[in-house]
Amino acid sequence: MKRYTDAKTYEKSIPSVVTIGTFDGVHIGHKKIIERLVESAKNNGLESVILTFFPHPRMVLQQDSGIKLINTIDERIQILKQTGLSSLVIHPFTKEFSRLTAGEYVQQMLVECLNVRHVIIGYDHRFGRNRNSNITDLASYGVQKDFTVEEISKQDIDDVAVSSTKIREALSQGSIIKANTYLGYEFMLTGTVVKGKELGRKLNFPTANLHIEETYKLIPKNGVYIVKSCIDNKTYFGMMNIGTNPTVNGTQQTIETHFFDATFNLYDKKIQIQLLKRIRDEKKFDSIDELQNAMQHDEDFSRNYINSLV
């Protein structure tokens, strides 16, 4: 998959089939669209292209929206690489860009930059200044500009019954298994391991404290999760606590993972952790001994669950 950080840099010598969207989560509904895109391109000797935008439009146009995304931009790229897509165009979304009229957008982005021949798009797609144009308008532009438009019907989308909004809701409620089912893969957190207060080490449960640079990344509901991670080409399982460590009067949210049967030093290393199952809420215990006993119970439960997966 070729990647472009601006539509103007796209190599347009081969005409394209294009779909457009945020694709946050790259969930099973998105993959259905991408499969259709890739198949159409292959059948017609065209390039399959996703046109997406970063930052998310709401981050630019509604700066107080506080929107949280399922994927960081790097995670989205990582997942899209596995779909068979020819090219991914991540065009910068700015206020200036948002002011393009529908006609300017079609001419500049689709025709001049992407050399489009066919567009595959959802029935409810909106575009242009103030999002005031729809798929009927796009088809009219297609007649003028020599490209065709294929509509993904409401029924097709409803058949999958998945949306990024539903996945965000599931993650916010801690329903990680439901979210993973919708995604078609395990929800991930990617970050750098930094030094924490080393409380886990004192409790004989040393943890990797994950710092996620992207503040727009959605963090699931506080609690204890069973997780796995591929580190140095080997899979390790463990348990993650997302929360404030109330037993020791913590106030800042941390993401700490205790990996089972592992002795490595991960400080300053960038790792990716997949969440498999939520065990329980975070709880304030009456003593450190109670906390330690609960962590041992969490480990026993986690190991039994992991063994059931094998």
C-alpha atoms as a PDB file:
ATOM      1  CA  MET A   1       0.000   0.000   0.000  1.00  0.00           C
ATOM      2  CA  LYS A   2       1.319   3.419  -1.011  1.00  0.00           C
ATOM      3  CA  ARG A   3       0.681   6.266   1.386  1.00  0.00           C
ATOM      4  CA  TYR A   4       0.346   9.955   0.597  1.00  0.00           C
ATOM      5  CA  THR A   5       0.098  12.791   3.125  1.00  0.00           C
ATOM      6  CA  ASP A   6      -1.534  15.184   0.664  1.00  0.00           C
ATOM      7  CA  ALA A   7      -3.803  14.495  -2.320  1.00  0.00           C
ATOM      8  CA  LYS A   8      -1.629  16.805  -4.427  1.00  0.00           C
ATOM      9  CA  THR A   9       1.284  14.351  -4.153  1.00  0.00           C
ATOM     10  CA  TYR A  10      -0.745  11.334  -5.321  1.00  0.00           C
ATOM     11  CA  GLU A  11       0.757   9.551  -8.345  1.00  0.00           C
ATOM     12  CA  LYS A  12      -2.216   9.879 -10.699  1.00  0.00           C
ATOM     13  CA  SER A  13      -0.950   8.210 -13.872  1.00  0.00           C
ATOM     14  CA  ILE A  14      -3.335   5.269 -13.328  1.00  0.00           C
ATOM     15  CA  PRO A  15      -7.024   6.254 -12.979  1.00  0.00           C
ATOM     16  CA  SER A  16      -8.625   5.331  -9.672  1.00  0.00           C
ATOM     17  CA  VAL A  17     -11.609   3.923  -7.849  1.00  0.00           C
ATOM     18  CA  VAL A  18     -12.087   6.024  -4.712  1.00  0.00           C
ATOM     19  CA  THR A  19     -13.960   5.791  -1.458  1.00  0.00           C
ATOM     20  CA  ILE A  20     -13.997   8.631   1.028  1.00  0.00           C
ATOM     21  CA  GLY A  21     -14.372   8.699   4.797  1.00  0.00           C
ATOM     22  CA  THR A  22     -12.812   8.886   8.238  1.00  0.00           C
ATOM     23  CA  PHE A  23     -12.667   5.085   8.651  1.00  0.00           C
ATOM     24  CA  ASP A  24     -12.122   5.380  12.398  1.00  0.00           C
ATOM     25  CA  GLY A  25     -11.719   1.861  13.754  1.00  0.00           C
ATOM     26  CA  VAL A  26     -11.521   0.283  10.275  1.00  0.00           C
ATOM     27  CA  HIS A  27     -14.282  -2.012  11.547  1.00  0.00           C
ATOM     28  CA  ILE A  28     -16.074  -4.876   9.785  1.00  0.00           C
ATOM     29  CA  GLY A  29     -18.477  -2.446   8.095  1.00  0.00           C
ATOM     30  CA  HIS A  30     -15.585  -0.436   6.692  1.00  0.00           C
ATOM     31  CA  LYS A  31     -13.900  -3.621   5.503  1.00  0.00           C
ATOM     32  CA  LYS A  32     -16.988  -4.566   3.504  1.00  0.00           C
ATOM     33  CA  ILE A  33     -16.690  -1.252   1.638  1.00  0.00           C
ATOM     34  CA  ILE A  34     -12.925  -1.676   1.143  1.00  0.00           C
ATOM     35  CA  GLU A  35     -13.392  -5.207  -0.238  1.00  0.00           C
ATOM     36  CA  ARG A  36     -15.825  -3.815  -2.808  1.00  0.00           C
ATOM     37  CA  LEU A  37     -13.369  -1.026  -3.629  1.00  0.00           C
ATOM     38  CA  VAL A  38     -10.418  -3.394  -4.132  1.00  0.00           C
ATOM     39  CA  GLU A  39     -12.483  -5.822  -6.220  1.00  0.00           C
ATOM     40  CA  SER A  40     -13.829  -3.030  -8.449  1.00  0.00           C
ATOM     41  CA  ALA A  41     -10.333  -1.666  -9.022  1.00  0.00           C
ATOM     42  CA  LYS A  42      -8.956  -5.094  -9.898  1.00  0.00           C
ATOM     43  CA  ASN A  43     -11.782  -5.857 -12.308  1.00  0.00           C
ATOM     44  CA  ASN A  44     -11.323  -2.558 -14.149  1.00  0.00           C
ATOM     45  CA  GLY A  45      -7.540  -2.161 -14.126  1.00  0.00           C
ATOM     46  CA  LEU A  46      -7.693   0.842 -11.770  1.00  0.00           C
ATOM     47  CA  GLU A  47      -5.995   1.906  -8.533  1.00  0.00           C
ATOM     48  CA  SER A  48      -8.010   1.380  -5.322  1.00  0.00           C
ATOM     49  CA  VAL A  49      -7.767   4.563  -3.264  1.00  0.00           C
ATOM     50  CA  ILE A  50      -9.100   5.627   0.122  1.00  0.00           C
ATOM     51  CA  LEU A  51      -9.293   9.377   0.618  1.00  0.00           C
ATOM     52  CA  THR A  52      -9.358  10.228   4.309  1.00  0.00           C
ATOM     53  CA  PHE A  53      -8.577  13.294   6.356  1.00  0.00           C
ATOM     54  CA  PHE A  54      -6.486  14.217   9.376  1.00  0.00           C
ATOM     55  CA  PRO A  55      -7.075  15.807  11.805  1.00  0.00           C
ATOM     56  CA  HIS A  56     -10.654  14.609  12.152  1.00  0.00           C
ATOM     57  CA  PRO A  57     -12.941  17.385  10.792  1.00  0.00           C
ATOM     58  CA  ARG A  58     -14.626  17.826  14.179  1.00  0.00           C
ATOM     59  CA  MET A  59     -11.239  18.523  15.787  1.00  0.00           C
ATOM     60  CA  VAL A  60     -10.798  21.460  13.419  1.00  0.00           C
ATOM     61  CA  LEU A  61     -14.334  22.799  13.102  1.00  0.00           C
ATOM     62  CA  GLN A  62     -15.514  22.106  16.670  1.00  0.00           C
ATOM     63  CA  GLN A  63     -12.370  22.452  18.743  1.00  0.00           C
ATOM     64  CA  ASP A  64     -14.301  21.992  21.980  1.00  0.00           C
ATOM     65  CA  SER A  65     -15.983  18.792  20.746  1.00  0.00           C
ATOM     66  CA  GLY A  66     -13.626  16.569  22.746  1.00  0.00           C
ATOM     67  CA  ILE A  67     -14.046  13.768  20.206  1.00  0.00           C
ATOM     68  CA  LYS A  68     -12.057  10.631  20.983  1.00  0.00           C
ATOM     69  CA  LEU A  69     -11.060   8.249  18.190  1.00  0.00           C
ATOM     70  CA  ILE A  70     -10.804   4.474  18.192  1.00  0.00           C
ATOM     71  CA  ASN A  71      -7.492   4.554  16.304  1.00  0.00           C
ATOM     72  CA  THR A  72      -4.553   6.880  16.212  1.00  0.00           C
ATOM     73  CA  ILE A  73      -3.628   7.792  12.658  1.00  0.00           C
ATOM     74  CA  ASP A  74      -0.689   5.336  12.774  1.00  0.00           C
ATOM     75  CA  GLU A  75      -2.957   2.521  13.979  1.00  0.00           C
ATOM     76  CA  ARG A  76      -5.408   3.275  11.173  1.00  0.00           C
ATOM     77  CA  ILE A  77      -2.580   3.054   8.631  1.00  0.00           C
ATOM     78  CA  GLN A  78      -1.400  -0.231  10.175  1.00  0.00           C
ATOM     79  CA  ILE A  79      -4.843  -1.839   9.815  1.00  0.00           C
ATOM     80  CA  LEU A  80      -5.490  -0.500   6.298  1.00  0.00           C
ATOM     81  CA  LYS A  81      -2.169  -1.981   5.112  1.00  0.00           C
ATOM     82  CA  GLN A  82      -3.715  -5.422   5.611  1.00  0.00           C
ATOM     83  CA  THR A  83      -6.744  -4.840   3.338  1.00  0.00           C
ATOM     84  CA  GLY A  84      -5.190  -5.119  -0.132  1.00  0.00           C
ATOM     85  CA  LEU A  85      -5.696  -1.399  -0.786  1.00  0.00           C
ATOM     86  CA  SER A  86      -3.447   0.172  -3.448  1.00  0.00           C
ATOM     87  CA  SER A  87      -3.170   3.692  -2.033  1.00  0.00           C
ATOM     88  CA  LEU A  88      -4.116   5.622   1.086  1.00  0.00           C
ATOM     89  CA  VAL A  89      -4.356   9.395   0.776  1.00  0.00           C
ATOM     90  CA  ILE A  90      -4.445  11.220   4.128  1.00  0.00           C
ATOM     91  CA  HIS A  91      -5.252  14.789   3.186  1.00  0.00           C
ATOM     92  CA  PRO A  92      -4.751  17.571   5.771  1.00  0.00           C
ATOM     93  CA  PHE A  93      -8.102  18.866   6.997  1.00  0.00           C
ATOM     94  CA  THR A  94      -8.014  22.613   7.614  1.00  0.00           C
ATOM     95  CA  LYS A  95     -10.594  25.379   7.935  1.00  0.00           C
ATOM     96  CA  GLU A  96      -9.520  26.598   4.501  1.00  0.00           C
ATOM     97  CA  PHE A  97     -10.112  23.138   3.012  1.00  0.00           C
ATOM     98  CA  SER A  98     -13.551  22.963   4.670  1.00  0.00           C
ATOM     99  CA  ARG A  99     -14.606  26.083   2.765  1.00  0.00           C
ATOM    100  CA  LEU A 100     -14.249  24.471  -0.667  1.00  0.00           C
ATOM    101  CA  THR A 101     -17.562  24.348  -2.468  1.00  0.00           C
ATOM    102  CA  ALA A 102     -18.812  20.970  -3.618  1.00  0.00           C
ATOM    103  CA  GLY A 103     -17.785  21.776  -7.200  1.00  0.00           C
ATOM    104  CA  GLU A 104     -14.296  22.904  -6.154  1.00  0.00           C
ATOM    105  CA  TYR A 105     -13.862  19.792  -4.001  1.00  0.00           C
ATOM    106  CA  VAL A 106     -14.858  17.434  -6.814  1.00  0.00           C
ATOM    107  CA  GLN A 107     -12.687  19.190  -9.402  1.00  0.00           C
ATOM    108  CA  GLN A 108      -9.583  19.716  -7.284  1.00  0.00           C
ATOM    109  CA  MET A 109      -9.556  16.551  -5.155  1.00  0.00           C
ATOM    110  CA  LEU A 110     -11.261  13.832  -7.160  1.00  0.00           C
ATOM    111  CA  VAL A 111     -10.605  14.872 -10.750  1.00  0.00           C
ATOM    112  CA  GLU A 112      -7.286  16.741 -10.736  1.00  0.00           C
ATOM    113  CA  CYS A 113      -5.530  15.010  -7.821  1.00  0.00           C
ATOM    114  CA  LEU A 114      -6.897  11.457  -7.851  1.00  0.00           C
ATOM    115  CA  ASN A 115      -7.801  11.002 -11.542  1.00  0.00           C
ATOM    116  CA  VAL A 116     -11.047   9.343 -10.459  1.00  0.00           C
ATOM    117  CA  ARG A 117     -13.107   7.069 -12.715  1.00  0.00           C
ATOM    118  CA  HIS A 118     -15.424   5.520 -10.143  1.00  0.00           C
ATOM    119  CA  VAL A 119     -16.531   6.491  -6.604  1.00  0.00           C
ATOM    120  CA  ILE A 120     -17.958   3.981  -4.107  1.00  0.00           C
ATOM    121  CA  ILE A 121     -19.721   5.851  -1.327  1.00  0.00           C
ATOM    122  CA  GLY A 122     -22.359   5.490   1.394  1.00  0.00           C
ATOM    123  CA  TYR A 123     -25.931   6.605   0.703  1.00  0.00           C
ATOM    124  CA  ASP A 124     -25.668   9.304   3.398  1.00  0.00           C
ATOM    125  CA  HIS A 125     -22.338  10.831   2.300  1.00  0.00           C
ATOM    126  CA  ARG A 126     -22.185  14.633   2.555  1.00  0.00           C
ATOM    127  CA  PHE A 127     -19.481  16.877   1.140  1.00  0.00           C
ATOM    128  CA  GLY A 128     -18.567  20.440   0.214  1.00  0.00           C
ATOM    129  CA  ARG A 129     -18.849  23.630   2.252  1.00  0.00           C
ATOM    130  CA  ASN A 130     -21.175  23.101   5.234  1.00  0.00           C
ATOM    131  CA  ARG A 131     -21.631  19.510   3.989  1.00  0.00           C
ATOM    132  CA  ASN A 132     -24.500  20.741   1.863  1.00  0.00           C
ATOM    133  CA  SER A 133     -24.124  18.309  -1.067  1.00  0.00           C
ATOM    134  CA  ASN A 134     -25.134  14.644  -1.180  1.00  0.00           C
ATOM    135  CA  ILE A 135     -24.721  11.510  -3.277  1.00  0.00           C
ATOM    136  CA  THR A 136     -27.228  12.733  -5.898  1.00  0.00           C
ATOM    137  CA  ASP A 137     -25.118  15.858  -6.376  1.00  0.00           C
ATOM    138  CA  LEU A 138     -21.982  13.715  -6.609  1.00  0.00           C
ATOM    139  CA  ALA A 139     -23.569  11.589  -9.360  1.00  0.00           C
ATOM    140  CA  SER A 140     -24.434  14.786 -11.265  1.00  0.00           C
ATOM    141  CA  TYR A 141     -20.827  15.934 -11.034  1.00  0.00           C
ATOM    142  CA  GLY A 142     -19.810  12.474 -12.245  1.00  0.00           C
ATOM    143  CA  VAL A 143     -21.810  12.932 -15.452  1.00  0.00           C
ATOM    144  CA  GLN A 144     -20.046  16.261 -16.049  1.00  0.00           C
ATOM    145  CA  LYS A 145     -16.553  15.063 -15.060  1.00  0.00           C
ATOM    146  CA  ASP A 146     -16.618  11.543 -16.544  1.00  0.00           C
ATOM    147  CA  PHE A 147     -16.752   9.342 -13.451  1.00  0.00           C
ATOM    148  CA  THR A 148     -19.431   7.002 -12.125  1.00  0.00           C
ATOM    149  CA  VAL A 149     -20.851   6.767  -8.614  1.00  0.00           C
ATOM    150  CA  GLU A 150     -21.803   3.522  -6.860  1.00  0.00           C
ATOM    151  CA  GLU A 151     -24.002   3.863  -3.804  1.00  0.00           C
ATOM    152  CA  ILE A 152     -23.592   1.678  -0.739  1.00  0.00           C
ATOM    153  CA  SER A 153     -27.230   1.353   0.242  1.00  0.00           C
ATOM    154  CA  LYS A 154     -28.745   1.842   3.670  1.00  0.00           C
ATOM    155  CA  GLN A 155     -29.627  -1.853   3.686  1.00  0.00           C
ATOM    156  CA  ASP A 156     -26.019  -2.861   2.982  1.00  0.00           C
ATOM    157  CA  ILE A 157     -24.782  -0.679   5.828  1.00  0.00           C
ATOM    158  CA  ASP A 158     -27.571  -1.728   8.213  1.00  0.00           C
ATOM    159  CA  ASP A 159     -26.916  -5.421   7.444  1.00  0.00           C
ATOM    160  CA  VAL A 160     -23.522  -5.050   9.109  1.00  0.00           C
ATOM    161  CA  ALA A 161     -25.113  -3.134  12.015  1.00  0.00           C
ATOM    162  CA  VAL A 162     -21.774  -1.638  13.026  1.00  0.00           C
ATOM    163  CA  SER A 163     -20.694   1.952  13.385  1.00  0.00           C
ATOM    164  CA  SER A 164     -17.711   3.754  14.871  1.00  0.00           C
ATOM    165  CA  THR A 165     -20.144   5.407  17.305  1.00  0.00           C
ATOM    166  CA  LYS A 166     -21.350   2.004  18.580  1.00  0.00           C
ATOM    167  CA  ILE A 167     -17.758   0.893  19.072  1.00  0.00           C
ATOM    168  CA  ARG A 168     -16.864   4.070  20.973  1.00  0.00           C
ATOM    169  CA  GLU A 169     -19.890   3.512  23.218  1.00  0.00           C
ATOM    170  CA  ALA A 170     -18.888  -0.100  23.878  1.00  0.00           C
ATOM    171  CA  LEU A 171     -15.334   0.919  24.788  1.00  0.00           C
ATOM    172  CA  SER A 172     -16.562   3.714  27.058  1.00  0.00           C
ATOM    173  CA  GLN A 173     -18.710   1.141  28.881  1.00  0.00           C
ATOM    174  CA  GLY A 174     -15.832  -1.322  29.152  1.00  0.00           C
ATOM    175  CA  SER A 175     -17.556  -3.815  26.814  1.00  0.00           C
ATOM    176  CA  ILE A 176     -14.283  -4.833  25.193  1.00  0.00           C
ATOM    177  CA  ILE A 177     -15.481  -8.178  23.798  1.00  0.00           C
ATOM    178  CA  LYS A 178     -18.411  -6.453  22.062  1.00  0.00           C
ATOM    179  CA  ALA A 179     -16.086  -3.755  20.691  1.00  0.00           C
ATOM    180  CA  ASN A 180     -13.633  -6.379  19.409  1.00  0.00           C
ATOM    181  CA  THR A 181     -16.478  -8.252  17.691  1.00  0.00           C
ATOM    182  CA  TYR A 182     -17.515  -5.066  15.889  1.00  0.00           C
ATOM    183  CA  LEU A 183     -13.915  -4.218  14.983  1.00  0.00           C
ATOM    184  CA  GLY A 184     -13.003  -7.677  13.724  1.00  0.00           C
ATOM    185  CA  TYR A 185      -9.717  -7.452  15.656  1.00  0.00           C
ATOM    186  CA  GLU A 186      -8.591  -6.653  19.205  1.00  0.00           C
ATOM    187  CA  PHE A 187      -8.756  -3.013  20.253  1.00  0.00           C
ATOM    188  CA  MET A 188      -5.241  -1.706  20.763  1.00  0.00           C
ATOM    189  CA  LEU A 189      -3.379   0.884  22.787  1.00  0.00           C
ATOM    190  CA  THR A 190      -0.035   2.052  21.413  1.00  0.00           C
ATOM    191  CA  GLY A 191       2.454   4.089  23.389  1.00  0.00           C
ATOM    192  CA  THR A 192       5.850   4.417  25.013  1.00  0.00           C
ATOM    193  CA  VAL A 193       6.735   2.776  28.322  1.00  0.00           C
ATOM    194  CA  VAL A 194       7.707   5.421  30.871  1.00  0.00           C
ATOM    195  CA  LYS A 195       8.749   5.350  34.515  1.00  0.00           C
ATOM    196  CA  GLY A 196       5.882   5.444  36.990  1.00  0.00           C
ATOM    197  CA  LYS A 197       5.791   5.352  40.792  1.00  0.00           C
ATOM    198  CA  GLU A 198       6.909   1.695  40.696  1.00  0.00           C
ATOM    199  CA  LEU A 199       4.154   0.698  43.112  1.00  0.00           C
ATOM    200  CA  GLY A 200       3.589  -2.539  41.196  1.00  0.00           C
ATOM    201  CA  ARG A 201       7.223  -3.554  41.695  1.00  0.00           C
ATOM    202  CA  LYS A 202       6.838  -3.103  45.459  1.00  0.00           C
ATOM    203  CA  LEU A 203       3.780  -5.385  45.335  1.00  0.00           C
ATOM    204  CA  ASN A 204       5.646  -8.039  43.288  1.00  0.00           C
ATOM    205  CA  PHE A 205       3.568  -7.076  40.247  1.00  0.00           C
ATOM    206  CA  PRO A 206       5.972  -4.939  38.185  1.00  0.00           C
ATOM    207  CA  THR A 207       4.142  -2.969  35.516  1.00  0.00           C
ATOM    208  CA  ALA A 208       4.864  -1.201  32.231  1.00  0.00           C
ATOM    209  CA  ASN A 209       3.404   2.305  32.450  1.00  0.00           C
ATOM    210  CA  LEU A 210       2.117   3.237  28.988  1.00  0.00           C
ATOM    211  CA  HIS A 211       2.210   6.866  27.824  1.00  0.00           C
ATOM    212  CA  ILE A 212      -0.002   7.565  24.798  1.00  0.00           C
ATOM    213  CA  GLU A 213       1.070  10.730  23.042  1.00  0.00           C
ATOM    214  CA  GLU A 214      -2.105  11.184  20.998  1.00  0.00           C
ATOM    215  CA  THR A 215      -4.554  12.918  23.347  1.00  0.00           C
ATOM    216  CA  TYR A 216      -7.446  12.180  20.965  1.00  0.00           C
ATOM    217  CA  LYS A 217      -7.100   8.415  21.446  1.00  0.00           C
ATOM    218  CA  LEU A 218     -10.114   6.856  23.171  1.00  0.00           C
ATOM    219  CA  ILE A 219      -9.166   5.100  26.416  1.00  0.00           C
ATOM    220  CA  PRO A 220     -11.659   2.440  27.544  1.00  0.00           C
ATOM    221  CA  LYS A 221     -13.514   2.579  30.847  1.00  0.00           C
ATOM    222  CA  ASN A 222     -11.318   2.349  33.933  1.00  0.00           C
ATOM    223  CA  GLY A 223     -10.828  -1.183  35.202  1.00  0.00           C
ATOM    224  CA  VAL A 224      -8.722  -4.325  34.934  1.00  0.00           C
ATOM    225  CA  TYR A 225      -8.309  -6.014  31.538  1.00  0.00           C
ATOM    226  CA  ILE A 226      -6.698  -9.184  30.210  1.00  0.00           C
ATOM    227  CA  VAL A 227      -4.253  -8.192  27.460  1.00  0.00           C
ATOM    228  CA  LYS A 228      -1.578  -9.446  25.108  1.00  0.00           C
ATOM    229  CA  SER A 229       1.325  -7.857  23.279  1.00  0.00           C
ATOM    230  CA  CYS A 230       3.925  -8.881  20.712  1.00  0.00           C
ATOM    231  CA  ILE A 231       7.318  -7.772  22.012  1.00  0.00           C
ATOM    232  CA  ASP A 232      10.515  -8.675  20.146  1.00  0.00           C
ATOM    233  CA  ASN A 233       8.517 -11.113  17.989  1.00  0.00           C
ATOM    234  CA  LYS A 234       7.146 -13.013  20.980  1.00  0.00           C
ATOM    235  CA  THR A 235       3.589 -12.873  22.353  1.00  0.00           C
ATOM    236  CA  TYR A 236       3.177 -12.069  26.036  1.00  0.00           C
ATOM    237  CA  PHE A 237      -0.054 -12.049  28.007  1.00  0.00           C
ATOM    238  CA  GLY A 238      -0.797  -9.982  31.048  1.00  0.00           C
ATOM    239  CA  MET A 239      -3.281  -7.799  32.872  1.00  0.00           C
ATOM    240  CA  MET A 240      -3.741  -4.064  32.510  1.00  0.00           C
ATOM    241  CA  ASN A 241      -5.136  -1.564  34.979  1.00  0.00           C
ATOM    242  CA  ILE A 242      -6.625   1.633  33.597  1.00  0.00           C
ATOM    243  CA  GLY A 243      -7.379   4.072  36.375  1.00  0.00           C
ATOM    244  CA  THR A 244      -6.119   6.313  39.142  1.00  0.00           C
ATOM    245  CA  ASN A 245      -4.875   3.780  41.744  1.00  0.00           C
ATOM    246  CA  PRO A 246      -7.357   4.959  44.403  1.00  0.00           C
ATOM    247  CA  THR A 247      -5.993   2.618  47.098  1.00  0.00           C
ATOM    248  CA  VAL A 248      -2.828   4.742  47.240  1.00  0.00           C
ATOM    249  CA  ASN A 249      -4.768   7.994  46.726  1.00  0.00           C
ATOM    250  CA  GLY A 250      -3.779   8.420  43.081  1.00  0.00           C
ATOM    251  CA  THR A 251      -5.474  11.148  41.055  1.00  0.00           C
ATOM    252  CA  GLN A 252      -4.017  10.897  37.535  1.00  0.00           C
ATOM    253  CA  GLN A 253      -5.217   8.224  35.115  1.00  0.00           C
ATOM    254  CA  THR A 254      -2.506   5.700  34.287  1.00  0.00           C
ATOM    255  CA  ILE A 255      -2.347   2.658  32.000  1.00  0.00           C
ATOM    256  CA  GLU A 256      -0.227  -0.025  33.665  1.00  0.00           C
ATOM    257  CA  THR A 257       0.347  -3.560  32.424  1.00  0.00           C
ATOM    258  CA  HIS A 258       1.808  -6.496  34.324  1.00  0.00           C
ATOM    259  CA  PHE A 259       3.114  -9.059  31.823  1.00  0.00           C
ATOM    260  CA  PHE A 260       3.152 -12.665  32.990  1.00  0.00           C
ATOM    261  CA  ASP A 261       6.391 -14.673  32.891  1.00  0.00           C
ATOM    262  CA  ALA A 262       8.390 -11.716  31.576  1.00  0.00           C
ATOM    263  CA  THR A 263      11.555 -10.108  32.918  1.00  0.00           C
ATOM    264  CA  PHE A 264      12.408  -7.577  30.203  1.00  0.00           C
ATOM    265  CA  ASN A 265      13.116  -3.878  30.638  1.00  0.00           C
ATOM    266  CA  LEU A 266      10.667  -1.929  28.487  1.00  0.00           C
ATOM    267  CA  TYR A 267      11.534   1.639  29.500  1.00  0.00           C
ATOM    268  CA  ASP A 268      11.450   4.015  26.497  1.00  0.00           C
ATOM    269  CA  LYS A 269      10.244   1.211  24.225  1.00  0.00           C
ATOM    270  CA  LYS A 270       7.189   1.757  22.013  1.00  0.00           C
ATOM    271  CA  ILE A 271       4.768  -1.134  22.343  1.00  0.00           C
ATOM    272  CA  GLN A 272       1.253  -2.018  21.265  1.00  0.00           C
ATOM    273  CA  ILE A 273      -1.122  -3.821  23.610  1.00  0.00           C
ATOM    274  CA  GLN A 274      -4.328  -5.603  22.585  1.00  0.00           C
ATOM    275  CA  LEU A 275      -7.225  -5.752  25.063  1.00  0.00           C
ATOM    276  CA  LEU A 276      -8.999  -9.128  25.257  1.00  0.00           C
ATOM    277  CA  LYS A 277     -11.443  -9.043  28.183  1.00  0.00           C
ATOM    278  CA  ARG A 278     -12.430  -6.751  31.046  1.00  0.00           C
ATOM    279  CA  ILE A 279     -12.246  -8.449  34.461  1.00  0.00           C
ATOM    280  CA  ARG A 280     -13.618  -5.867  36.876  1.00  0.00           C
ATOM    281  CA  ASP A 281     -13.979  -2.228  37.873  1.00  0.00           C
ATOM    282  CA  GLU A 282     -11.115  -0.426  39.526  1.00  0.00           C
ATOM    283  CA  LYS A 283     -11.710  -0.445  43.278  1.00  0.00           C
ATOM    284  CA  LYS A 284     -10.354   1.343  46.337  1.00  0.00           C
ATOM    285  CA  PHE A 285      -9.227  -1.305  48.817  1.00  0.00           C
ATOM    286  CA  ASP A 286      -8.904  -0.798  52.559  1.00  0.00           C
ATOM    287  CA  SER A 287      -5.271  -1.873  52.640  1.00  0.00           C
ATOM    288  CA  ILE A 288      -2.279  -2.690  50.453  1.00  0.00           C
ATOM    289  CA  ASP A 289      -2.670  -6.352  51.469  1.00  0.00           C
ATOM    290  CA  GLU A 290      -6.215  -6.380  50.106  1.00  0.00           C
ATOM    291  CA  LEU A 291      -5.004  -4.804  46.876  1.00  0.00           C
ATOM    292  CA  GLN A 292      -2.241  -7.398  46.563  1.00  0.00           C
ATOM    293  CA  ASN A 293      -4.718 -10.255  47.150  1.00  0.00           C
ATOM    294  CA  ALA A 294      -7.051  -8.829  44.509  1.00  0.00           C
ATOM    295  CA  MET A 295      -4.195  -8.581  42.001  1.00  0.00           C
ATOM    296  CA  GLN A 296      -3.297 -12.219  42.651  1.00  0.00           C
ATOM    297  CA  HIS A 297      -6.919 -13.188  42.084  1.00  0.00           C
ATOM    298  CA  ASP A 298      -6.915 -11.136  38.850  1.00  0.00           C
ATOM    299  CA  GLU A 299      -3.784 -12.964  37.687  1.00  0.00           C
ATOM    300  CA  ASP A 300      -5.252 -16.388  38.434  1.00  0.00           C
ATOM    301  CA  PHE A 301      -8.451 -15.493  36.581  1.00  0.00           C
ATOM    302  CA  SER A 302      -6.463 -14.090  33.640  1.00  0.00           C
ATOM    303  CA  ARG A 303      -4.238 -17.153  33.317  1.00  0.00           C
ATOM    304  CA  ASN A 304      -7.277 -19.458  33.336  1.00  0.00           C
ATOM    305  CA  TYR A 305      -8.936 -17.340  30.658  1.00  0.00           C
ATOM    306  CA  ILE A 306      -5.786 -17.281  28.508  1.00  0.00           C
ATOM    307  CA  ASN A 307      -5.442 -21.070  28.826  1.00  0.00           C
ATOM    308  CA  SER A 308      -9.024 -21.437  27.591  1.00  0.00           C
ATOM    309  CA  LEU A 309      -8.080 -19.564  24.412  1.00  0.00           C
ATOM    310  CA  VAL A 310      -5.290 -21.919  23.443  1.00  0.00           C
END
